[in-house]
Amino acid sequence: MTGIRLADYDLDDELGFLPGTDPLRSLPTEYAEWDEIGAALPKHLVMGRGRDLLRDVPQLDIAGLRTTAELERAMLLLSYFAHGYLNDTDPPAQVLPASIALPWHAVATRLGRPPILSYASHQFHNWGRFDSSGPVALGNLTRLQDFLGGMDDDWFVMVHVAIEAAAAPGLNAMIRAQDAVLAGDAELLAERLREVAASLGAMQHTLDRMPERCDPYVYYHRVRRFLFGTKNNPAFPEGLVYEGVVEYGGKPQQFSGETGAQSAIIPFLATALGIEHQDDPLNDYMFSLRDYMPRGHRAFIEEAGSRADIRGAVLAWRTRAACEAYNECIDALRSFHHLHLRYAAAYVHRQGQKSDANSSSTGTGGTPFMKYLKLHLDNIATHTIEIGRSS
């Protein structure tokens, strides 16, 4: 592959994996009832009346959803309807009514993702700007759909959206770094890798702002329970029954819940840098999460991630500038993961175990996250190149 266009993968030059135009705030008029229910959902969930509202969701024909933006808006709403219905009480409901299950499955099928709340819906298509001409950055971002609402809940989502925006320069720089390898230009490669490291630093700076308006106690006890999936979740021992979905034959289904690991930016950067993980549960889990990414993002990792051997070029050329710039990327990536590990401990691991529906030892994606995050962190460090050595 000698050239690459981000638009071919539904990526944006300025915003990277975020949509290039702000997500829709409403659906076409024939779907107005869904928008109205979405607006009413937080107040009903706060009062423990979510199922009263969601039991009568109108089952609308999705044939009128013609654009990807419309499908994503519908996927956002239906995902919130489903997770709101399931988690309105403890323990969660084990059967999802057909009025939600059928259109949710149909929309998910058209988008090429499972019918579960994923990072793509919870973050990528769940934001707007106060000032439409201003940046996609904290302070200018608002959230389109809530569960319970409140500062902590909204800030959690907005920080992740801002991280994706901060990652866009690094995405572009990494592609240009690959181009430099293909052109045999070691000096340009070093320059582009330094830009990647700077972007990773900006991502970490944004993540570091999480505690400003998202309290660990509030996140764990108020926000997190709505994000879990039905795979490796003791609250759904058999999975979830999607009532009326003939493709499932009435059998319970299990899908991983929303997790930042469903973002493509870190997998792309790691793949492009030549970071290899051992064949272990962590690697298998991370790879399985690609099924929850937008189709274009999945294809981008697979096709663009390895289009040029950056690590191999740095090892072969052994210029000090290229080695140092590569190591800056490794250090920045490891530092980002280290901060993530710290917050995983603070926001989840140290919080009390209250119910199977909100395990403090299992991530929302359904994994023993602390063990896996530590393994990931340690493995990244082994890729540092000793300057002056060829391997």
Protein backbone atom coordinates (compact mmCIF):
# COMPACT_ATOMS: atom_id res chain seq x y z
CA MET A 1 0.00 0.00 0.00
CA THR A 2 1.71 3.19 -1.16
CA GLY A 3 -1.02 5.70 -0.39
CA ILE A 4 -3.90 6.01 2.01
CA ARG A 5 -7.02 8.17 2.27
CA LEU A 6 -8.63 8.44 5.68
CA ALA A 7 -12.03 9.04 4.09
CA ASP A 8 -11.92 5.53 2.64
CA TYR A 9 -12.17 4.24 6.21
CA ASP A 10 -14.74 6.76 7.47
CA LEU A 11 -11.99 8.69 9.24
CA ASP A 12 -11.58 12.45 9.23
CA ASP A 13 -8.39 14.41 8.54
CA GLU A 14 -9.03 16.83 11.41
CA LEU A 15 -10.86 14.66 13.94
CA GLY A 16 -9.42 11.22 13.27
CA PHE A 17 -11.76 8.47 14.40
CA LEU A 18 -14.49 10.92 15.42
CA PRO A 19 -17.12 11.71 12.77
CA GLY A 20 -16.11 14.62 10.56
CA THR A 21 -19.47 16.32 11.10
CA ASP A 22 -21.07 16.68 14.52
CA PRO A 23 -23.40 13.77 15.40
CA LEU A 24 -27.11 14.25 14.77
CA ARG A 25 -29.14 15.64 17.65
CA SER A 26 -32.40 14.21 16.31
CA LEU A 27 -33.75 11.70 13.81
CA PRO A 28 -36.12 12.36 10.87
CA THR A 29 -39.63 13.29 11.99
CA GLU A 30 -41.04 9.77 11.60
CA TYR A 31 -38.74 8.73 14.46
CA ALA A 32 -39.60 11.66 16.73
CA GLU A 33 -41.03 9.31 19.37
CA TRP A 34 -37.59 7.74 19.88
CA ASP A 35 -36.01 11.17 20.34
CA GLU A 36 -38.72 12.10 22.84
CA ILE A 37 -38.16 8.93 24.85
CA GLY A 38 -34.42 9.57 24.84
CA ALA A 39 -35.00 13.04 26.27
CA ALA A 40 -37.28 11.67 28.99
CA LEU A 41 -35.09 8.69 29.89
CA PRO A 42 -32.76 10.27 32.52
CA LYS A 43 -35.58 11.57 34.73
CA HIS A 44 -37.35 8.22 34.62
CA LEU A 45 -34.17 6.28 35.47
CA VAL A 46 -33.40 8.61 38.37
CA MET A 47 -36.81 7.79 39.86
CA GLY A 48 -36.56 4.06 39.16
CA ARG A 49 -39.28 4.34 36.52
CA GLY A 50 -37.19 3.54 33.46
CA ARG A 51 -39.04 0.37 32.54
CA ASP A 52 -42.38 2.14 32.79
CA LEU A 53 -41.17 4.44 30.01
CA LEU A 54 -39.30 1.86 27.96
CA ARG A 55 -41.87 -0.93 28.07
CA ASP A 56 -43.90 0.92 25.44
CA VAL A 57 -41.16 2.02 23.04
CA PRO A 58 -42.79 2.17 19.57
CA GLN A 59 -41.33 -0.43 17.24
CA LEU A 60 -40.55 1.73 14.21
CA ASP A 61 -39.47 0.52 10.77
CA ILE A 62 -35.80 1.38 10.31
CA ALA A 63 -36.05 1.40 6.51
CA GLY A 64 -36.41 5.18 6.66
CA LEU A 65 -32.93 5.54 8.17
CA ARG A 66 -30.90 6.26 5.06
CA THR A 67 -27.55 7.70 6.16
CA THR A 68 -24.84 6.42 8.45
CA ALA A 69 -25.39 9.42 10.70
CA GLU A 70 -29.07 8.52 11.06
CA LEU A 71 -28.24 4.89 11.78
CA GLU A 72 -25.70 5.93 14.41
CA ARG A 73 -28.23 8.24 16.08
CA ALA A 74 -30.75 5.38 16.17
CA MET A 75 -28.08 3.01 17.50
CA LEU A 76 -27.26 5.48 20.26
CA LEU A 77 -30.88 5.83 21.34
CA LEU A 78 -31.73 2.13 21.14
CA SER A 79 -28.55 1.20 23.03
CA TYR A 80 -29.52 3.57 25.82
CA PHE A 81 -33.08 2.25 25.80
CA ALA A 82 -31.80 -1.31 26.13
CA HIS A 83 -29.22 -0.68 28.83
CA GLY A 84 -31.62 1.58 30.69
CA TYR A 85 -34.31 -1.10 30.62
CA LEU A 86 -31.95 -3.87 31.72
CA ASN A 87 -30.30 -1.95 34.56
CA ASP A 88 -33.28 -0.03 35.93
CA THR A 89 -33.33 -2.53 38.81
CA ASP A 90 -30.88 -4.86 40.53
CA PRO A 91 -30.66 -7.63 39.47
CA PRO A 92 -30.92 -6.68 35.79
CA ALA A 93 -33.66 -7.96 33.50
CA GLN A 94 -32.71 -11.10 31.58
CA VAL A 95 -35.08 -10.56 28.63
CA LEU A 96 -35.16 -7.48 26.40
CA PRO A 97 -38.63 -6.72 24.96
CA ALA A 98 -39.10 -7.10 21.23
CA SER A 99 -40.04 -3.42 20.88
CA ILE A 100 -36.40 -2.56 21.64
CA ALA A 101 -34.65 -5.79 20.65
CA LEU A 102 -35.93 -5.99 17.06
CA PRO A 103 -35.02 -2.48 15.83
CA TRP A 104 -31.79 -2.53 17.84
CA HIS A 105 -30.68 -5.77 16.20
CA ALA A 106 -31.70 -4.47 12.76
CA VAL A 107 -29.78 -1.20 13.14
CA ALA A 108 -26.75 -3.01 14.58
CA THR A 109 -26.75 -5.41 11.63
CA ARG A 110 -26.73 -2.54 9.14
CA LEU A 111 -23.82 -0.94 11.00
CA GLY A 112 -21.90 -4.21 11.27
CA ARG A 113 -21.75 -4.24 15.08
CA PRO A 114 -23.40 -6.37 17.80
CA PRO A 115 -26.56 -5.09 19.52
CA ILE A 116 -24.89 -3.81 22.68
CA LEU A 117 -23.83 -0.38 23.92
CA SER A 118 -20.34 0.10 22.49
CA TYR A 119 -17.70 2.82 22.60
CA ALA A 120 -18.79 3.91 19.12
CA SER A 121 -22.26 4.84 20.38
CA HIS A 122 -21.36 5.96 23.89
CA GLN A 123 -18.53 8.27 22.77
CA PHE A 124 -18.10 8.76 19.00
CA HIS A 125 -21.72 9.66 18.29
CA ASN A 126 -22.76 11.15 21.62
CA TRP A 127 -21.36 14.68 21.59
CA GLY A 128 -22.05 18.15 20.31
CA ARG A 129 -20.42 21.56 20.52
CA PHE A 130 -21.69 24.64 22.31
CA ASP A 131 -19.89 26.76 19.70
CA SER A 132 -20.12 24.96 16.37
CA SER A 133 -17.13 26.89 15.06
CA GLY A 134 -15.02 26.11 18.14
CA PRO A 135 -12.75 23.13 18.81
CA VAL A 136 -13.76 19.62 19.79
CA ALA A 137 -12.25 20.07 23.23
CA LEU A 138 -13.22 20.11 26.88
CA GLY A 139 -15.15 23.26 27.65
CA ASN A 140 -16.86 23.28 24.26
CA LEU A 141 -18.39 19.80 24.39
CA THR A 142 -21.82 18.66 25.48
CA ARG A 143 -23.33 15.21 25.64
CA LEU A 144 -26.37 14.27 23.57
CA GLN A 145 -27.81 11.33 25.52
CA ASP A 146 -27.59 10.47 29.23
CA PHE A 147 -28.60 7.65 31.50
CA LEU A 148 -28.96 9.42 34.84
CA GLY A 149 -27.28 12.66 33.80
CA GLY A 150 -25.12 14.86 35.98
CA MET A 151 -21.66 16.35 35.81
CA ASP A 152 -19.70 13.17 36.56
CA ASP A 153 -21.52 11.09 33.95
CA ASP A 154 -21.18 13.73 31.23
CA TRP A 155 -17.54 14.54 32.01
CA PHE A 156 -16.57 10.88 31.71
CA VAL A 157 -17.86 10.79 28.14
CA MET A 158 -16.55 14.22 27.17
CA VAL A 159 -13.01 13.40 28.31
CA HIS A 160 -12.97 10.39 26.01
CA VAL A 161 -14.29 12.41 23.09
CA ALA A 162 -11.60 15.03 23.70
CA ILE A 163 -8.94 12.30 23.84
CA GLU A 164 -10.02 11.11 20.39
CA ALA A 165 -9.75 14.67 19.05
CA ALA A 166 -6.30 15.06 20.62
CA ALA A 167 -5.26 11.81 18.95
CA ALA A 168 -6.03 13.00 15.42
CA PRO A 169 -2.66 14.76 14.87
CA GLY A 170 -0.88 11.60 16.00
CA LEU A 171 -2.94 9.51 13.60
CA ASN A 172 -1.91 11.73 10.70
CA ALA A 173 1.71 11.87 11.86
CA MET A 174 1.90 8.08 12.07
CA ILE A 175 0.69 7.75 8.49
CA ARG A 176 3.35 10.25 7.42
CA ALA A 177 5.91 8.27 9.43
CA GLN A 178 4.95 5.20 7.42
CA ASP A 179 5.34 7.23 4.24
CA ALA A 180 8.83 8.23 5.38
CA VAL A 181 9.76 4.57 5.81
CA LEU A 182 8.45 3.74 2.35
CA ALA A 183 10.49 6.66 0.98
CA GLY A 184 13.62 5.58 2.86
CA ASP A 185 13.87 8.91 4.69
CA ALA A 186 15.23 8.37 8.22
CA GLU A 187 15.33 12.08 9.07
CA LEU A 188 11.68 12.60 8.14
CA LEU A 189 10.73 9.44 10.03
CA ALA A 190 12.26 10.83 13.22
CA GLU A 191 10.40 14.11 12.78
CA ARG A 192 7.05 12.40 12.30
CA LEU A 193 7.57 10.05 15.24
CA ARG A 194 8.23 13.03 17.48
CA GLU A 195 4.85 14.39 16.36
CA VAL A 196 3.24 11.06 17.30
CA ALA A 197 4.82 11.24 20.75
CA ALA A 198 3.57 14.81 21.19
CA SER A 199 0.03 13.73 20.29
CA LEU A 200 0.19 10.90 22.81
CA GLY A 201 1.27 13.47 25.38
CA ALA A 202 -1.78 15.60 24.55
CA MET A 203 -4.00 12.53 24.92
CA GLN A 204 -2.52 11.84 28.34
CA HIS A 205 -2.96 15.46 29.41
CA THR A 206 -6.64 15.21 28.48
CA LEU A 207 -7.10 11.92 30.32
CA ASP A 208 -5.39 13.44 33.35
CA ARG A 209 -8.29 15.90 33.61
CA MET A 210 -10.78 13.11 34.39
CA PRO A 211 -10.82 13.77 38.18
CA GLU A 212 -11.71 17.45 37.68
CA ARG A 213 -15.43 16.69 37.31
CA CYS A 214 -15.79 12.92 37.55
CA ASP A 215 -15.53 11.58 41.08
CA PRO A 216 -14.46 7.91 41.42
CA TYR A 217 -17.21 7.10 43.93
CA VAL A 218 -19.92 8.68 41.80
CA TYR A 219 -18.62 7.01 38.64
CA TYR A 220 -18.57 3.57 40.20
CA HIS A 221 -21.88 3.73 42.03
CA ARG A 222 -23.93 5.86 39.63
CA VAL A 223 -22.49 5.67 36.12
CA ARG A 224 -20.73 2.37 35.59
CA ARG A 225 -23.59 -0.07 36.07
CA PHE A 226 -25.22 1.02 32.81
CA LEU A 227 -22.10 0.29 30.74
CA PHE A 228 -21.70 -3.44 31.33
CA GLY A 229 -22.31 -5.98 28.61
CA THR A 230 -23.65 -9.51 28.95
CA LYS A 231 -20.43 -11.46 28.34
CA ASN A 232 -18.42 -12.71 31.33
CA ASN A 233 -20.91 -10.86 33.50
CA PRO A 234 -22.20 -12.73 36.57
CA ALA A 235 -25.39 -10.66 36.42
CA PHE A 236 -26.13 -12.36 33.06
CA PRO A 237 -25.00 -15.96 33.70
CA GLU A 238 -26.61 -17.24 30.51
CA GLY A 239 -26.59 -13.99 28.55
CA LEU A 240 -29.47 -11.81 27.37
CA VAL A 241 -32.55 -12.96 25.47
CA TYR A 242 -33.42 -10.62 22.58
CA GLU A 243 -37.16 -11.20 22.35
CA GLY A 244 -38.42 -11.73 18.82
CA VAL A 245 -35.01 -11.74 17.07
CA VAL A 246 -35.31 -14.86 14.92
CA GLU A 247 -31.60 -14.93 14.13
CA TYR A 248 -30.94 -15.81 17.78
CA GLY A 249 -33.64 -18.49 17.97
CA GLY A 250 -34.72 -17.43 21.44
CA LYS A 251 -31.31 -18.31 22.87
CA PRO A 252 -29.47 -15.91 25.22
CA GLN A 253 -26.63 -13.95 23.64
CA GLN A 254 -23.44 -12.64 25.23
CA PHE A 255 -21.64 -9.48 24.09
CA SER A 256 -18.87 -7.42 25.66
CA GLY A 257 -19.80 -4.08 27.16
CA GLU A 258 -18.58 -0.58 26.38
CA THR A 259 -14.87 -0.08 26.99
CA GLY A 260 -12.19 2.34 25.83
CA ALA A 261 -10.39 -0.65 24.34
CA GLN A 262 -13.00 -0.51 21.56
CA SER A 263 -11.35 2.69 20.32
CA ALA A 264 -9.08 2.08 17.33
CA ILE A 265 -6.47 4.75 18.05
CA ILE A 266 -4.26 2.84 20.51
CA PRO A 267 -4.44 -0.45 18.55
CA PHE A 268 -3.47 1.44 15.38
CA LEU A 269 -0.55 3.26 16.97
CA ALA A 270 0.68 0.09 18.67
CA THR A 271 0.44 -1.91 15.45
CA ALA A 272 2.22 0.80 13.47
CA LEU A 273 5.02 0.91 16.05
CA GLY A 274 5.48 -2.85 15.74
CA ILE A 275 4.39 -3.66 19.28
CA GLU A 276 3.66 -7.35 19.55
CA HIS A 277 1.82 -9.02 22.40
CA GLN A 278 2.23 -12.60 23.54
CA ASP A 279 -0.45 -15.08 22.56
CA ASP A 280 -2.40 -14.80 25.80
CA PRO A 281 -5.94 -13.92 26.96
CA LEU A 282 -5.13 -10.20 26.80
CA ASN A 283 -4.20 -10.37 23.14
CA ASP A 284 -7.24 -12.50 22.30
CA TYR A 285 -9.56 -10.14 24.18
CA MET A 286 -8.18 -7.01 22.55
CA PHE A 287 -8.50 -8.53 19.10
CA SER A 288 -12.10 -9.63 19.78
CA LEU A 289 -13.07 -6.04 20.58
CA ARG A 290 -12.52 -5.05 16.97
CA ASP A 291 -15.92 -6.58 16.25
CA TYR A 292 -17.43 -3.71 18.26
CA MET A 293 -15.66 -0.99 16.29
CA PRO A 294 -17.16 0.74 13.24
CA ARG A 295 -16.38 -1.28 10.11
CA GLY A 296 -14.08 1.36 8.67
CA HIS A 297 -12.05 1.55 11.87
CA ARG A 298 -11.56 -2.21 11.89
CA ALA A 299 -10.38 -2.17 8.30
CA PHE A 300 -8.05 0.74 8.98
CA ILE A 301 -6.21 -1.10 11.75
CA GLU A 302 -5.86 -4.21 9.62
CA GLU A 303 -4.85 -2.52 6.37
CA ALA A 304 -3.07 0.65 7.46
CA GLY A 305 -1.49 -0.46 10.71
CA SER A 306 1.19 -2.59 9.08
CA ARG A 307 1.60 -0.86 5.71
CA ALA A 308 5.21 0.01 6.61
CA ASP A 309 7.61 -1.59 9.12
CA ILE A 310 8.54 1.41 11.26
CA ARG A 311 10.28 -0.57 13.98
CA GLY A 312 12.19 -2.61 11.43
CA ALA A 313 13.33 0.57 9.66
CA VAL A 314 14.52 2.17 12.90
CA LEU A 315 16.47 -0.97 13.80
CA ALA A 316 17.96 -1.20 10.31
CA TRP A 317 18.93 2.46 9.94
CA ARG A 318 20.03 2.90 13.58
CA THR A 319 20.24 6.67 13.37
CA ARG A 320 20.26 8.29 16.79
CA ALA A 321 17.41 10.65 15.85
CA ALA A 322 15.14 7.84 14.66
CA CYS A 323 15.90 5.63 17.67
CA GLU A 324 15.30 8.46 20.12
CA ALA A 325 12.06 9.49 18.41
CA TYR A 326 10.83 5.89 18.36
CA ASN A 327 11.61 5.52 22.05
CA GLU A 328 9.74 8.76 22.75
CA CYS A 329 6.67 7.10 21.24
CA ILE A 330 7.16 3.98 23.34
CA ASP A 331 7.60 6.05 26.49
CA ALA A 332 4.55 8.20 25.69
CA LEU A 333 2.40 5.16 24.95
CA ARG A 334 3.52 3.46 28.15
CA SER A 335 2.89 6.64 30.13
CA PHE A 336 -0.65 6.88 28.73
CA HIS A 337 -1.33 3.27 29.69
CA HIS A 338 0.16 3.83 33.14
CA LEU A 339 -2.23 6.71 33.77
CA HIS A 340 -5.11 4.57 32.54
CA LEU A 341 -4.05 1.85 34.97
CA ARG A 342 -3.97 4.34 37.85
CA TYR A 343 -7.47 5.53 37.05
CA ALA A 344 -8.76 1.98 36.63
CA ALA A 345 -7.54 1.31 40.16
CA ALA A 346 -9.01 4.53 41.56
CA TYR A 347 -12.34 4.49 39.74
CA VAL A 348 -13.08 0.77 39.91
CA HIS A 349 -10.67 -1.54 41.74
CA ARG A 350 -10.67 0.38 45.03
CA GLN A 351 -14.43 0.79 45.06
CA GLY A 352 -16.53 -1.59 47.13
CA GLN A 353 -18.16 -4.68 45.72
CA LYS A 354 -21.92 -4.09 45.96
CA SER A 355 -23.56 -6.46 43.47
CA ASP A 356 -22.90 -8.83 40.60
CA ALA A 357 -24.21 -6.14 38.28
CA ASN A 358 -21.30 -3.82 39.15
CA SER A 359 -18.23 -5.96 39.79
CA SER A 360 -15.11 -4.13 40.98
CA SER A 361 -12.84 -6.91 39.73
CA THR A 362 -14.21 -7.07 36.19
CA GLY A 363 -14.15 -4.35 33.54
CA THR A 364 -17.26 -3.22 31.70
CA GLY A 365 -15.96 -5.20 28.73
CA GLY A 366 -16.02 -8.36 30.86
CA THR A 367 -12.34 -8.95 31.73
CA PRO A 368 -10.21 -9.05 34.92
CA PHE A 369 -8.90 -5.67 33.85
CA MET A 370 -6.15 -4.96 36.41
CA LYS A 371 -4.18 -8.07 35.50
CA TYR A 372 -4.55 -7.39 31.78
CA LEU A 373 -3.68 -3.70 31.98
CA LYS A 374 -0.50 -4.47 33.94
CA LEU A 375 0.54 -7.09 31.40
CA HIS A 376 -0.07 -4.63 28.57
CA LEU A 377 1.94 -1.95 30.34
CA ASP A 378 4.92 -4.22 31.02
CA ASN A 379 4.98 -5.53 27.46
CA ILE A 380 5.15 -2.06 25.90
CA ALA A 381 8.35 -1.28 27.83
CA THR A 382 10.15 -4.26 26.27
CA HIS A 383 9.97 -2.57 22.86
CA THR A 384 12.34 0.26 23.77
CA ILE A 385 15.30 0.26 21.39
CA GLU A 386 18.75 0.51 22.92
CA ILE A 387 20.53 3.19 20.93
CA GLY A 388 23.54 1.79 19.15
CA ARG A 389 22.11 -1.73 19.04
CA SER A 390 20.40 -3.35 16.03
CA SER A 391 17.99 -5.59 17.94
